């Protein structure tokens, strides 16, 4: 007998609070949003979403390492498993929120999604 499991995607405004993981299970993003400042997965165009500072080819990239690179900025973006972008503005008209499944590359230094090609996993930089 097969069981049926339904995951209801939950949004507050445009912020998605539940997503499907790589094996199709529901994962809550509420804790990640509350404790880490995660804002979602966003489309990037030619690496111009967060243009103030760019670090590519980052050895063993983690959220913490990108946060350190982005001190003094408001936002950071993790992209393509080993790239870190920093900036102070999010133009969500031009750089739209996309499904969490678009940010499907794990960071090179931890078990966390670090965007993908032209996709940023965006966080608010802690003070």
PDB file of N, CA and C in Angstrom:
ATOM      1  N   UNK A   1       0.835  -1.171   0.000  1.00  0.00           N
ATOM      2  CA  UNK A   1       0.000   0.000   0.000  1.00  0.00           C
ATOM      3  C   UNK A   1       0.889   1.246   0.000  1.00  0.00           C
ATOM      4  N   UNK A   2       0.597   2.175  -0.888  1.00  0.00           N
ATOM      5  CA  UNK A   2       1.354   3.430  -0.951  1.00  0.00           C
ATOM      6  C   UNK A   2       0.694   4.462  -0.066  1.00  0.00           C
ATOM      7  N   UNK A   3       1.521   5.276   0.569  1.00  0.00           N
ATOM      8  CA  UNK A   3       0.963   6.368   1.369  1.00  0.00           C
ATOM      9  C   UNK A   3       1.091   7.664   0.579  1.00  0.00           C
ATOM     10  N   UNK A   4       0.195   8.552   0.840  1.00  0.00           N
ATOM     11  CA  UNK A   4       0.190   9.840   0.161  1.00  0.00           C
ATOM     12  C   UNK A   4       0.598  10.898   1.163  1.00  0.00           C
ATOM     13  N   UNK A   5       1.620  11.677   0.816  1.00  0.00           N
ATOM     14  CA  UNK A   5       2.106  12.743   1.689  1.00  0.00           C
ATOM     15  C   UNK A   5       1.993  14.053   0.940  1.00  0.00           C
ATOM     16  N   UNK A   6       1.375  15.012   1.547  1.00  0.00           N
ATOM     17  CA  UNK A   6       1.169  16.303   0.904  1.00  0.00           C
ATOM     18  C   UNK A   6       1.931  17.365   1.683  1.00  0.00           C
ATOM     19  N   UNK A   7       2.686  18.155   0.974  1.00  0.00           N
ATOM     20  CA  UNK A   7       3.401  19.269   1.577  1.00  0.00           C
ATOM     21  C   UNK A   7       2.724  20.542   1.097  1.00  0.00           C
ATOM     22  N   UNK A   8       2.213  21.315   2.008  1.00  0.00           N
ATOM     23  CA  UNK A   8       1.577  22.578   1.651  1.00  0.00           C
ATOM     24  C   UNK A   8       2.628  23.670   1.766  1.00  0.00           C
ATOM     25  N   UNK A   9       2.882  24.368   0.659  1.00  0.00           N
ATOM     26  CA  UNK A   9       3.847  25.457   0.671  1.00  0.00           C
ATOM     27  C   UNK A   9       3.208  26.652   1.358  1.00  0.00           C
ATOM     28  N   UNK A  10       3.904  27.217   2.311  1.00  0.00           N
ATOM     29  CA  UNK A  10       3.386  28.312   3.115  1.00  0.00           C
ATOM     30  C   UNK A  10       4.161  29.575   2.801  1.00  0.00           C
ATOM     31  N   UNK A  11       3.451  30.661   2.556  1.00  0.00           N
ATOM     32  CA  UNK A  11       4.074  31.944   2.261  1.00  0.00           C
ATOM     33  C   UNK A  11       3.531  33.003   3.211  1.00  0.00           C
ATOM     34  N   UNK A  12       4.381  33.924   3.613  1.00  0.00           N
ATOM     35  CA  UNK A  12       3.959  35.145   4.295  1.00  0.00           C
ATOM     36  C   UNK A  12       4.435  36.262   3.387  1.00  0.00           C
ATOM     37  N   UNK A  13       3.495  36.940   2.742  1.00  0.00           N
ATOM     38  CA  UNK A  13       3.849  37.876   1.682  1.00  0.00           C
ATOM     39  C   UNK A  13       4.482  37.070   0.566  1.00  0.00           C
ATOM     40  N   UNK A  14       5.698  37.435   0.180  1.00  0.00           N
ATOM     41  CA  UNK A  14       6.397  36.659  -0.838  1.00  0.00           C
ATOM     42  C   UNK A  14       7.422  35.713  -0.228  1.00  0.00           C
ATOM     43  N   UNK A  15       7.503  35.666   1.106  1.00  0.00           N
ATOM     44  CA  UNK A  15       8.483  34.820   1.792  1.00  0.00           C
ATOM     45  C   UNK A  15       7.948  33.402   1.954  1.00  0.00           C
ATOM     46  N   UNK A  16       8.602  32.440   1.341  1.00  0.00           N
ATOM     47  CA  UNK A  16       8.218  31.042   1.452  1.00  0.00           C
ATOM     48  C   UNK A  16       8.745  30.498   2.763  1.00  0.00           C
ATOM     49  N   UNK A  17       7.868  29.852   3.556  1.00  0.00           N
ATOM     50  CA  UNK A  17       8.266  29.358   4.861  1.00  0.00           C
ATOM     51  C   UNK A  17       8.404  27.844   4.929  1.00  0.00           C
ATOM     52  N   UNK A  18       8.005  27.156   3.867  1.00  0.00           N
ATOM     53  CA  UNK A  18       8.146  25.704   3.786  1.00  0.00           C
ATOM     54  C   UNK A  18       8.597  25.378   2.376  1.00  0.00           C
ATOM     55  N   UNK A  19       9.502  24.406   2.232  1.00  0.00           N
ATOM     56  CA  UNK A  19       9.950  23.994   0.898  1.00  0.00           C
ATOM     57  C   UNK A  19      10.094  22.484   0.863  1.00  0.00           C
ATOM     58  N   UNK A  20      10.238  21.960  -0.337  1.00  0.00           N
ATOM     59  CA  UNK A  20      10.544  20.546  -0.505  1.00  0.00           C
ATOM     60  C   UNK A  20      12.056  20.389  -0.595  1.00  0.00           C
ATOM     61  N   UNK A  21      12.610  19.401   0.125  1.00  0.00           N
ATOM     62  CA  UNK A  21      14.049  19.168   0.026  1.00  0.00           C
ATOM     63  C   UNK A  21      14.351  18.278  -1.175  1.00  0.00           C
ATOM     64  N   UNK A  22      15.621  17.873  -1.311  1.00  0.00           N
ATOM     65  CA  UNK A  22      16.047  17.133  -2.501  1.00  0.00           C
ATOM     66  C   UNK A  22      15.409  15.758  -2.639  1.00  0.00           C
ATOM     67  N   UNK A  23      14.822  15.211  -1.557  1.00  0.00           N
ATOM     68  CA  UNK A  23      14.137  13.917  -1.676  1.00  0.00           C
ATOM     69  C   UNK A  23      12.626  14.050  -1.529  1.00  0.00           C
ATOM     70  N   UNK A  24      12.134  15.291  -1.629  1.00  0.00           N
ATOM     71  CA  UNK A  24      10.695  15.521  -1.652  1.00  0.00           C
ATOM     72  C   UNK A  24      10.018  15.600  -0.305  1.00  0.00           C
ATOM     73  N   UNK A  25      10.771  15.820   0.762  1.00  0.00           N
ATOM     74  CA  UNK A  25      10.169  15.959   2.079  1.00  0.00           C
ATOM     75  C   UNK A  25      10.004  17.432   2.425  1.00  0.00           C
ATOM     76  N   UNK A  26       8.962  17.719   3.187  1.00  0.00           N
ATOM     77  CA  UNK A  26       8.723  19.097   3.622  1.00  0.00           C
ATOM     78  C   UNK A  26       9.808  19.526   4.612  1.00  0.00           C
ATOM     79  N   UNK A  27      10.302  20.748   4.433  1.00  0.00           N
ATOM     80  CA  UNK A  27      11.300  21.308   5.333  1.00  0.00           C
ATOM     81  C   UNK A  27      10.833  22.704   5.726  1.00  0.00           C
ATOM     82  N   UNK A  28      10.785  22.973   7.014  1.00  0.00           N
ATOM     83  CA  UNK A  28      10.392  24.291   7.488  1.00  0.00           C
ATOM     84  C   UNK A  28      11.557  25.255   7.351  1.00  0.00           C
ATOM     85  N   UNK A  29      11.271  26.434   6.829  1.00  0.00           N
ATOM     86  CA  UNK A  29      12.291  27.473   6.725  1.00  0.00           C
ATOM     87  C   UNK A  29      12.142  28.512   7.836  1.00  0.00           C
ATOM     88  N   UNK A  30      11.139  28.339   8.693  1.00  0.00           N
ATOM     89  CA  UNK A  30      10.852  29.350   9.720  1.00  0.00           C
ATOM     90  C   UNK A  30      12.049  29.541  10.642  1.00  0.00           C
ATOM     91  N   UNK A  31      12.646  28.449  11.132  1.00  0.00           N
ATOM     92  CA  UNK A  31      13.798  28.573  12.016  1.00  0.00           C
ATOM     93  C   UNK A  31      14.971  29.222  11.288  1.00  0.00           C
ATOM     94  N   UNK A  32      15.191  28.832  10.043  1.00  0.00           N
ATOM     95  CA  UNK A  32      16.292  29.405   9.269  1.00  0.00           C
ATOM     96  C   UNK A  32      16.071  30.900   9.058  1.00  0.00           C
ATOM     97  N   UNK A  33      14.829  31.310   8.792  1.00  0.00           N
ATOM     98  CA  UNK A  33      14.522  32.726   8.604  1.00  0.00           C
ATOM     99  C   UNK A  33      14.747  33.487   9.906  1.00  0.00           C
ATOM    100  N   UNK A  34      14.261  32.935  11.009  1.00  0.00           N
ATOM    101  CA  UNK A  34      14.345  33.629  12.288  1.00  0.00           C
ATOM    102  C   UNK A  34      15.768  33.724  12.821  1.00  0.00           C
ATOM    103  N   UNK A  35      16.541  32.652  12.700  1.00  0.00           N
ATOM    104  CA  UNK A  35      17.850  32.642  13.335  1.00  0.00           C
ATOM    105  C   UNK A  35      18.984  33.068  12.424  1.00  0.00           C
ATOM    106  N   UNK A  36      18.827  32.912  11.125  1.00  0.00           N
ATOM    107  CA  UNK A  36      19.932  33.186  10.212  1.00  0.00           C
ATOM    108  C   UNK A  36      19.656  34.328   9.246  1.00  0.00           C
ATOM    109  N   UNK A  37      18.468  34.896   9.253  1.00  0.00           N
ATOM    110  CA  UNK A  37      18.163  36.000   8.358  1.00  0.00           C
ATOM    111  C   UNK A  37      17.961  35.594   6.914  1.00  0.00           C
ATOM    112  N   UNK A  38      17.605  34.329   6.673  1.00  0.00           N
ATOM    113  CA  UNK A  38      17.422  33.853   5.296  1.00  0.00           C
ATOM    114  C   UNK A  38      16.204  34.518   4.671  1.00  0.00           C
ATOM    115  N   UNK A  39      16.395  35.068   3.467  1.00  0.00           N
ATOM    116  CA  UNK A  39      15.315  35.768   2.779  1.00  0.00           C
ATOM    117  C   UNK A  39      14.763  35.008   1.587  1.00  0.00           C
ATOM    118  N   UNK A  40      15.513  34.036   1.066  1.00  0.00           N
ATOM    119  CA  UNK A  40      15.001  33.234  -0.034  1.00  0.00           C
ATOM    120  C   UNK A  40      15.979  33.097  -1.178  1.00  0.00           C
ATOM    121  N   UNK A  41      15.491  32.425  -2.210  1.00  0.00           N
ATOM    122  CA  UNK A  41      16.255  32.186  -3.428  1.00  0.00           C
ATOM    123  C   UNK A  41      15.831  33.227  -4.464  1.00  0.00           C
ATOM    124  N   UNK A  42      16.809  33.916  -5.061  1.00  0.00           N
ATOM    125  CA  UNK A  42      16.521  34.995  -6.004  1.00  0.00           C
ATOM    126  C   UNK A  42      17.302  34.816  -7.299  1.00  0.00           C
ATOM    127  N   UNK A  43      16.669  35.197  -8.397  1.00  0.00           N
ATOM    128  CA  UNK A  43      17.334  35.179  -9.703  1.00  0.00           C
ATOM    129  C   UNK A  43      18.343  36.310  -9.755  1.00  0.00           C
ATOM    130  N   UNK A  44      19.516  36.042 -10.296  1.00  0.00           N
ATOM    131  CA  UNK A  44      20.543  37.058 -10.496  1.00  0.00           C
ATOM    132  C   UNK A  44      20.759  37.224 -11.995  1.00  0.00           C
ATOM    133  N   UNK A  45      21.182  38.391 -12.399  1.00  0.00           N
ATOM    134  CA  UNK A  45      21.464  38.669 -13.811  1.00  0.00           C
ATOM    135  C   UNK A  45      22.902  39.167 -13.890  1.00  0.00           C
ATOM    136  N   UNK A  46      23.766  38.360 -14.479  1.00  0.00           N
ATOM    137  CA  UNK A  46      25.174  38.728 -14.656  1.00  0.00           C
ATOM    138  C   UNK A  46      25.839  39.214 -13.370  1.00  0.00           C
ATOM    139  N   UNK A  47      25.497  38.566 -12.248  1.00  0.00           N
ATOM    140  CA  UNK A  47      26.094  38.879 -10.937  1.00  0.00           C
ATOM    141  C   UNK A  47      25.954  40.342 -10.552  1.00  0.00           C
ATOM    142  N   UNK A  48      24.789  40.921 -10.837  1.00  0.00           N
ATOM    143  CA  UNK A  48      24.573  42.334 -10.515  1.00  0.00           C
ATOM    144  C   UNK A  48      23.565  42.549  -9.380  1.00  0.00           C
ATOM    145  N   UNK A  49      23.043  41.474  -8.790  1.00  0.00           N
ATOM    146  CA  UNK A  49      22.056  41.631  -7.718  1.00  0.00           C
ATOM    147  C   UNK A  49      22.669  42.289  -6.480  1.00  0.00           C
ATOM    148  N   UNK A  50      23.837  41.813  -6.072  1.00  0.00           N
ATOM    149  CA  UNK A  50      24.552  42.341  -4.906  1.00  0.00           C
ATOM    150  C   UNK A  50      25.973  42.680  -5.351  1.00  0.00           C
ATOM    151  N   UNK A  51      26.146  43.842  -5.993  1.00  0.00           N
ATOM    152  CA  UNK A  51      27.408  44.135  -6.687  1.00  0.00           C
ATOM    153  C   UNK A  51      28.505  44.794  -5.861  1.00  0.00           C
ATOM    154  N   UNK A  52      28.239  45.119  -4.604  1.00  0.00           N
ATOM    155  CA  UNK A  52      29.214  45.897  -3.848  1.00  0.00           C
ATOM    156  C   UNK A  52      30.523  45.157  -3.579  1.00  0.00           C
ATOM    157  N   UNK A  53      30.434  43.860  -3.315  1.00  0.00           N
ATOM    158  CA  UNK A  53      31.639  43.063  -3.085  1.00  0.00           C
ATOM    159  C   UNK A  53      31.398  41.652  -3.603  1.00  0.00           C
ATOM    160  N   UNK A  54      32.378  41.095  -4.293  1.00  0.00           N
ATOM    161  CA  UNK A  54      32.264  39.759  -4.867  1.00  0.00           C
ATOM    162  C   UNK A  54      33.509  38.952  -4.527  1.00  0.00           C
ATOM    163  N   UNK A  55      33.302  37.738  -4.008  1.00  0.00           N
ATOM    164  CA  UNK A  55      34.403  36.806  -3.764  1.00  0.00           C
ATOM    165  C   UNK A  55      34.026  35.505  -4.463  1.00  0.00           C
ATOM    166  N   UNK A  56      34.806  35.126  -5.492  1.00  0.00           N
ATOM    167  CA  UNK A  56      34.534  33.896  -6.241  1.00  0.00           C
ATOM    168  C   UNK A  56      35.611  32.862  -5.964  1.00  0.00           C
ATOM    169  N   UNK A  57      35.269  31.585  -6.194  1.00  0.00           N
ATOM    170  CA  UNK A  57      36.228  30.506  -5.984  1.00  0.00           C
ATOM    171  C   UNK A  57      36.593  30.340  -4.518  1.00  0.00           C
ATOM    172  N   UNK A  58      35.651  30.605  -3.638  1.00  0.00           N
ATOM    173  CA  UNK A  58      35.867  30.557  -2.194  1.00  0.00           C
ATOM    174  C   UNK A  58      36.150  29.116  -1.764  1.00  0.00           C
ATOM    175  N   UNK A  59      37.283  28.884  -1.105  1.00  0.00           N
ATOM    176  CA  UNK A  59      37.608  27.557  -0.588  1.00  0.00           C
ATOM    177  C   UNK A  59      36.685  27.225   0.581  1.00  0.00           C
ATOM    178  N   UNK A  60      35.945  26.143   0.485  1.00  0.00           N
ATOM    179  CA  UNK A  60      35.069  25.671   1.559  1.00  0.00           C
ATOM    180  C   UNK A  60      34.145  26.783   2.065  1.00  0.00           C
ATOM    181  N   UNK A  61      33.340  27.321   1.157  1.00  0.00           N
ATOM    182  CA  UNK A  61      32.431  28.412   1.501  1.00  0.00           C
ATOM    183  C   UNK A  61      31.377  27.963   2.510  1.00  0.00           C
ATOM    184  N   UNK A  62      31.173  28.793   3.531  1.00  0.00           N
ATOM    185  CA  UNK A  62      30.100  28.616   4.512  1.00  0.00           C
ATOM    186  C   UNK A  62      29.385  29.949   4.652  1.00  0.00           C
ATOM    187  N   UNK A  63      28.201  29.914   5.236  1.00  0.00           N
ATOM    188  CA  UNK A  63      27.466  31.153   5.506  1.00  0.00           C
ATOM    189  C   UNK A  63      28.303  32.063   6.402  1.00  0.00           C
ATOM    190  N   UNK A  64      28.911  31.495   7.421  1.00  0.00           N
ATOM    191  CA  UNK A  64      29.714  32.291   8.364  1.00  0.00           C
ATOM    192  C   UNK A  64      30.867  33.015   7.650  1.00  0.00           C
ATOM    193  N   UNK A  65      31.560  32.315   6.737  1.00  0.00           N
ATOM    194  CA  UNK A  65      32.667  32.945   6.010  1.00  0.00           C
ATOM    195  C   UNK A  65      32.165  34.086   5.128  1.00  0.00           C
ATOM    196  N   UNK A  66      31.016  33.905   4.501  1.00  0.00           N
ATOM    197  CA  UNK A  66      30.462  34.971   3.661  1.00  0.00           C
ATOM    198  C   UNK A  66      30.011  36.139   4.536  1.00  0.00           C
ATOM    199  N   UNK A  67      29.429  35.839   5.697  1.00  0.00           N
ATOM    200  CA  UNK A  67      29.037  36.908   6.619  1.00  0.00           C
ATOM    201  C   UNK A  67      30.245  37.743   7.016  1.00  0.00           C
ATOM    202  N   UNK A  68      31.375  37.099   7.243  1.00  0.00           N
ATOM    203  CA  UNK A  68      32.595  37.822   7.604  1.00  0.00           C
ATOM    204  C   UNK A  68      33.051  38.723   6.454  1.00  0.00           C
ATOM    205  N   UNK A  69      32.964  38.237   5.216  1.00  0.00           N
ATOM    206  CA  UNK A  69      33.331  39.036   4.040  1.00  0.00           C
ATOM    207  C   UNK A  69      32.387  40.218   3.850  1.00  0.00           C
ATOM    208  N   UNK A  70      31.139  40.072   4.300  1.00  0.00           N
ATOM    209  CA  UNK A  70      30.112  41.077   4.039  1.00  0.00           C
ATOM    210  C   UNK A  70      29.813  41.978   5.239  1.00  0.00           C
ATOM    211  N   UNK A  71      30.672  41.964   6.260  1.00  0.00           N
ATOM    212  CA  UNK A  71      30.462  42.862   7.397  1.00  0.00           C
ATOM    213  C   UNK A  71      30.394  44.305   6.898  1.00  0.00           C
ATOM    214  N   UNK A  72      29.412  45.047   7.398  1.00  0.00           N
ATOM    215  CA  UNK A  72      29.226  46.426   6.966  1.00  0.00           C
ATOM    216  C   UNK A  72      28.204  46.564   5.845  1.00  0.00           C
ATOM    217  N   UNK A  73      27.811  45.453   5.226  1.00  0.00           N
ATOM    218  CA  UNK A  73      26.773  45.447   4.195  1.00  0.00           C
ATOM    219  C   UNK A  73      25.462  44.937   4.806  1.00  0.00           C
ATOM    220  N   UNK A  74      24.372  45.134   4.112  1.00  0.00           N
ATOM    221  CA  UNK A  74      23.061  44.730   4.612  1.00  0.00           C
ATOM    222  C   UNK A  74      22.695  43.311   4.205  1.00  0.00           C
ATOM    223  N   UNK A  75      23.059  42.915   2.986  1.00  0.00           N
ATOM    224  CA  UNK A  75      22.664  41.612   2.445  1.00  0.00           C
ATOM    225  C   UNK A  75      23.857  40.856   1.897  1.00  0.00           C
ATOM    226  N   UNK A  76      23.725  39.535   1.856  1.00  0.00           N
ATOM    227  CA  UNK A  76      24.725  38.698   1.197  1.00  0.00           C
ATOM    228  C   UNK A  76      24.011  37.647   0.367  1.00  0.00           C
ATOM    229  N   UNK A  77      24.685  37.193  -0.672  1.00  0.00           N
ATOM    230  CA  UNK A  77      24.159  36.141  -1.517  1.00  0.00           C
ATOM    231  C   UNK A  77      25.187  35.040  -1.692  1.00  0.00           C
ATOM    232  N   UNK A  78      24.759  33.813  -1.490  1.00  0.00           N
ATOM    233  CA  UNK A  78      25.593  32.636  -1.737  1.00  0.00           C
ATOM    234  C   UNK A  78      25.195  32.105  -3.105  1.00  0.00           C
ATOM    235  N   UNK A  79      26.190  31.890  -3.984  1.00  0.00           N
ATOM    236  CA  UNK A  79      25.876  31.471  -5.344  1.00  0.00           C
ATOM    237  C   UNK A  79      26.882  30.437  -5.843  1.00  0.00           C
ATOM    238  N   UNK A  80      26.398  29.485  -6.601  1.00  0.00           N
ATOM    239  CA  UNK A  80      27.207  28.517  -7.349  1.00  0.00           C
ATOM    240  C   UNK A  80      28.192  27.756  -6.460  1.00  0.00           C
ATOM    241  N   UNK A  81      27.786  27.485  -5.220  1.00  0.00           N
ATOM    242  CA  UNK A  81      28.529  26.665  -4.251  1.00  0.00           C
ATOM    243  C   UNK A  81      29.775  27.318  -3.659  1.00  0.00           C
ATOM    244  N   UNK A  82      30.397  28.285  -4.384  1.00  0.00           N
ATOM    245  CA  UNK A  82      31.650  28.851  -3.865  1.00  0.00           C
ATOM    246  C   UNK A  82      31.794  30.348  -4.138  1.00  0.00           C
ATOM    247  N   UNK A  83      30.664  31.049  -4.286  1.00  0.00           N
ATOM    248  CA  UNK A  83      30.710  32.489  -4.553  1.00  0.00           C
ATOM    249  C   UNK A  83      29.903  33.240  -3.496  1.00  0.00           C
ATOM    250  N   UNK A  84      30.435  34.378  -3.075  1.00  0.00           N
ATOM    251  CA  UNK A  84      29.828  35.217  -2.045  1.00  0.00           C
ATOM    252  C   UNK A  84      29.687  36.631  -2.594  1.00  0.00           C
ATOM    253  N   UNK A  85      28.486  37.184  -2.521  1.00  0.00           N
ATOM    254  CA  UNK A  85      28.208  38.543  -2.997  1.00  0.00           C
ATOM    255  C   UNK A  85      27.654  39.373  -1.845  1.00  0.00           C
ATOM    256  N   UNK A  86      28.005  40.650  -1.808  1.00  0.00           N
ATOM    257  CA  UNK A  86      27.555  41.549  -0.751  1.00  0.00           C
ATOM    258  C   UNK A  86      26.923  42.799  -1.359  1.00  0.00           C
ATOM    259  N   UNK A  87      25.958  43.375  -0.654  1.00  0.00           N
ATOM    260  CA  UNK A  87      25.354  44.620  -1.117  1.00  0.00           C
ATOM    261  C   UNK A  87      24.416  45.193  -0.080  1.00  0.00           C
ATOM    262  N   UNK A  88      23.949  46.404  -0.347  1.00  0.00           N
ATOM    263  CA  UNK A  88      23.070  47.095   0.599  1.00  0.00           C
ATOM    264  C   UNK A  88      21.628  47.221   0.137  1.00  0.00           C
ATOM    265  N   UNK A  89      21.351  46.877  -1.124  1.00  0.00           N
ATOM    266  CA  UNK A  89      19.990  47.018  -1.646  1.00  0.00           C
ATOM    267  C   UNK A  89      19.540  45.732  -2.313  1.00  0.00           C
ATOM    268  N   UNK A  90      18.255  45.417  -2.154  1.00  0.00           N
ATOM    269  CA  UNK A  90      17.640  44.300  -2.867  1.00  0.00           C
ATOM    270  C   UNK A  90      16.573  44.864  -3.784  1.00  0.00           C
ATOM    271  N   UNK A  91      16.814  44.850  -5.065  1.00  0.00           N
ATOM    272  CA  UNK A  91      15.829  45.292  -6.041  1.00  0.00           C
ATOM    273  C   UNK A  91      15.008  44.073  -6.439  1.00  0.00           C
ATOM    274  N   UNK A  92      13.932  43.810  -5.682  1.00  0.00           N
ATOM    275  CA  UNK A  92      13.141  42.605  -5.932  1.00  0.00           C
ATOM    276  C   UNK A  92      12.197  42.761  -7.119  1.00  0.00           C
ATOM    277  N   UNK A  93      12.158  43.934  -7.742  1.00  0.00           N
ATOM    278  CA  UNK A  93      11.416  44.075  -9.000  1.00  0.00           C
ATOM    279  C   UNK A  93      12.242  43.474 -10.135  1.00  0.00           C
ATOM    280  N   UNK A  94      13.537  43.749 -10.141  1.00  0.00           N
ATOM    281  CA  UNK A  94      14.412  43.238 -11.187  1.00  0.00           C
ATOM    282  C   UNK A  94      14.901  41.828 -10.866  1.00  0.00           C
ATOM    283  N   UNK A  95      15.242  41.589  -9.611  1.00  0.00           N
ATOM    284  CA  UNK A  95      15.780  40.299  -9.179  1.00  0.00           C
ATOM    285  C   UNK A  95      14.711  39.583  -8.372  1.00  0.00           C
ATOM    286  N   UNK A  96      13.899  38.804  -9.061  1.00  0.00           N
ATOM    287  CA  UNK A  96      12.707  38.229  -8.442  1.00  0.00           C
ATOM    288  C   UNK A  96      13.012  36.990  -7.613  1.00  0.00           C
ATOM    289  N   UNK A  97      12.154  36.767  -6.636  1.00  0.00           N
ATOM    290  CA  UNK A  97      12.206  35.549  -5.847  1.00  0.00           C
ATOM    291  C   UNK A  97      11.798  34.377  -6.743  1.00  0.00           C
ATOM    292  N   UNK A  98      12.530  33.281  -6.638  1.00  0.00           N
ATOM    293  CA  UNK A  98      12.251  32.087  -7.436  1.00  0.00           C
ATOM    294  C   UNK A  98      12.063  30.909  -6.478  1.00  0.00           C
ATOM    295  N   UNK A  99      11.544  29.784  -6.962  1.00  0.00           N
ATOM    296  CA  UNK A  99      11.335  28.633  -6.072  1.00  0.00           C
ATOM    297  C   UNK A  99      12.630  28.188  -5.399  1.00  0.00           C
ATOM    298  N   UNK A 100      12.495  27.712  -4.172  1.00  0.00           N
ATOM    299  CA  UNK A 100      13.651  27.224  -3.418  1.00  0.00           C
ATOM    300  C   UNK A 100      14.403  26.139  -4.176  1.00  0.00           C
ATOM    301  N   UNK A 101      13.696  25.375  -4.976  1.00  0.00           N
ATOM    302  CA  UNK A 101      14.337  24.295  -5.731  1.00  0.00           C
ATOM    303  C   UNK A 101      15.338  24.824  -6.752  1.00  0.00           C
ATOM    304  N   UNK A 102      15.279  26.121  -7.091  1.00  0.00           N
ATOM    305  CA  UNK A 102      16.253  26.728  -8.000  1.00  0.00           C
ATOM    306  C   UNK A 102      17.621  26.903  -7.337  1.00  0.00           C
ATOM    307  N   UNK A 103      17.650  27.030  -6.028  1.00  0.00           N
ATOM    308  CA  UNK A 103      18.907  27.150  -5.278  1.00  0.00           C
ATOM    309  C   UNK A 103      19.280  25.754  -4.797  1.00  0.00           C
ATOM    310  N   UNK A 104      19.898  24.975  -5.678  1.00  0.00           N
ATOM    311  CA  UNK A 104      20.054  23.553  -5.411  1.00  0.00           C
ATOM    312  C   UNK A 104      21.510  23.072  -5.354  1.00  0.00           C
ATOM    313  N   UNK A 105      22.455  23.995  -5.229  1.00  0.00           N
ATOM    314  CA  UNK A 105      23.860  23.596  -5.095  1.00  0.00           C
ATOM    315  C   UNK A 105      24.297  23.780  -3.644  1.00  0.00           C
ATOM    316  N   UNK A 106      24.866  22.727  -3.076  1.00  0.00           N
ATOM    317  CA  UNK A 106      25.339  22.821  -1.693  1.00  0.00           C
ATOM    318  C   UNK A 106      26.621  23.636  -1.633  1.00  0.00           C
ATOM    319  N   UNK A 107      26.794  24.356  -0.538  1.00  0.00           N
ATOM    320  CA  UNK A 107      28.017  25.124  -0.315  1.00  0.00           C
ATOM    321  C   UNK A 107      29.217  24.188  -0.319  1.00  0.00           C
ATOM    322  N   UNK A 108      30.344  24.704  -0.763  1.00  0.00           N
ATOM    323  CA  UNK A 108      31.554  23.886  -0.826  1.00  0.00           C
ATOM    324  C   UNK A 108      32.110  23.555   0.553  1.00  0.00           C
ATOM    325  N   UNK A 109      31.653  24.266   1.595  1.00  0.00           N
ATOM    326  CA  UNK A 109      32.201  24.038   2.928  1.00  0.00           C
ATOM    327  C   UNK A 109      31.211  23.620   3.989  1.00  0.00           C
ATOM    328  N   UNK A 110      29.929  23.453   3.625  1.00  0.00           N
ATOM    329  CA  UNK A 110      28.945  22.995   4.614  1.00  0.00           C
ATOM    330  C   UNK A 110      27.702  22.465   3.897  1.00  0.00           C
ATOM    331  N   UNK A 111      26.868  21.796   4.659  1.00  0.00           N
ATOM    332  CA  UNK A 111      25.657  21.196   4.118  1.00  0.00           C
ATOM    333  C   UNK A 111      24.514  22.208   4.131  1.00  0.00           C
ATOM    334  N   UNK A 112      24.615  23.192   3.262  1.00  0.00           N
ATOM    335  CA  UNK A 112      23.631  24.271   3.141  1.00  0.00           C
ATOM    336  C   UNK A 112      23.552  24.610   1.664  1.00  0.00           C
ATOM    337  N   UNK A 113      22.380  25.038   1.215  1.00  0.00           N
ATOM    338  CA  UNK A 113      22.246  25.411  -0.185  1.00  0.00           C
ATOM    339  C   UNK A 113      22.892  26.776  -0.428  1.00  0.00           C
ATOM    340  N   UNK A 114      23.725  26.824  -1.456  1.00  0.00           N
ATOM    341  CA  UNK A 114      24.445  28.044  -1.842  1.00  0.00           C
ATOM    342  C   UNK A 114      24.055  28.430  -3.262  1.00  0.00           C
ATOM    343  N   UNK A 115      22.771  28.654  -3.472  1.00  0.00           N
ATOM    344  CA  UNK A 115      22.301  29.100  -4.768  1.00  0.00           C
ATOM    345  C   UNK A 115      22.555  28.083  -5.860  1.00  0.00           C
ATOM    346  N   UNK A 116      22.810  28.580  -7.061  1.00  0.00           N
ATOM    347  CA  UNK A 116      23.191  27.782  -8.233  1.00  0.00           C
ATOM    348  C   UNK A 116      23.584  28.783  -9.310  1.00  0.00           C
ATOM    349  N   UNK A 117      23.578  28.379 -10.557  1.00  0.00           N
ATOM    350  CA  UNK A 117      23.916  29.304 -11.627  1.00  0.00           C
ATOM    351  C   UNK A 117      22.905  30.440 -11.723  1.00  0.00           C
ATOM    352  N   UNK A 118      23.356  31.665 -11.541  1.00  0.00           N
ATOM    353  CA  UNK A 118      22.518  32.861 -11.572  1.00  0.00           C
ATOM    354  C   UNK A 118      21.347  32.790 -10.590  1.00  0.00           C
ATOM    355  N   UNK A 119      21.575  32.124  -9.476  1.00  0.00           N
ATOM    356  CA  UNK A 119      20.601  32.045  -8.386  1.00  0.00           C
ATOM    357  C   UNK A 119      21.342  32.304  -7.080  1.00  0.00           C
ATOM    358  N   UNK A 120      20.828  33.230  -6.273  1.00  0.00           N
ATOM    359  CA  UNK A 120      21.428  33.576  -4.988  1.00  0.00           C
ATOM    360  C   UNK A 120      20.556  33.091  -3.838  1.00  0.00           C
ATOM    361  N   UNK A 121      21.168  32.436  -2.873  1.00  0.00           N
ATOM    362  CA  UNK A 121      20.536  32.196  -1.579  1.00  0.00           C
ATOM    363  C   UNK A 121      20.863  33.455  -0.765  1.00  0.00           C
ATOM    364  N   UNK A 122      19.847  34.278  -0.503  1.00  0.00           N
ATOM    365  CA  UNK A 122      20.074  35.612   0.076  1.00  0.00           C
ATOM    366  C   UNK A 122      19.771  35.626   1.577  1.00  0.00           C
ATOM    367  N   UNK A 123      20.676  36.279   2.311  1.00  0.00           N
ATOM    368  CA  UNK A 123      20.561  36.434   3.758  1.00  0.00           C
ATOM    369  C   UNK A 123      20.748  37.894   4.133  1.00  0.00           C
ATOM    370  N   UNK A 124      20.158  38.279   5.243  1.00  0.00           N
ATOM    371  CA  UNK A 124      20.453  39.583   5.853  1.00  0.00           C
ATOM    372  C   UNK A 124      21.729  39.400   6.662  1.00  0.00           C
ATOM    373  N   UNK A 125      22.661  40.311   6.532  1.00  0.00           N
ATOM    374  CA  UNK A 125      23.927  40.238   7.264  1.00  0.00           C
ATOM    375  C   UNK A 125      23.661  40.655   8.707  1.00  0.00           C
ATOM    376  N   UNK A 126      24.070  39.812   9.682  1.00  0.00           N
ATOM    377  CA  UNK A 126      23.850  40.193  11.088  1.00  0.00           C
ATOM    378  C   UNK A 126      24.703  41.400  11.466  1.00  0.00           C
ATOM    379  N   UNK A 127      24.213  42.153  12.418  1.00  0.00           N
ATOM    380  CA  UNK A 127      24.926  43.349  12.893  1.00  0.00           C
ATOM    381  C   UNK A 127      26.115  42.965  13.723  1.00  0.00           C
TER     382      UNK A 127
END
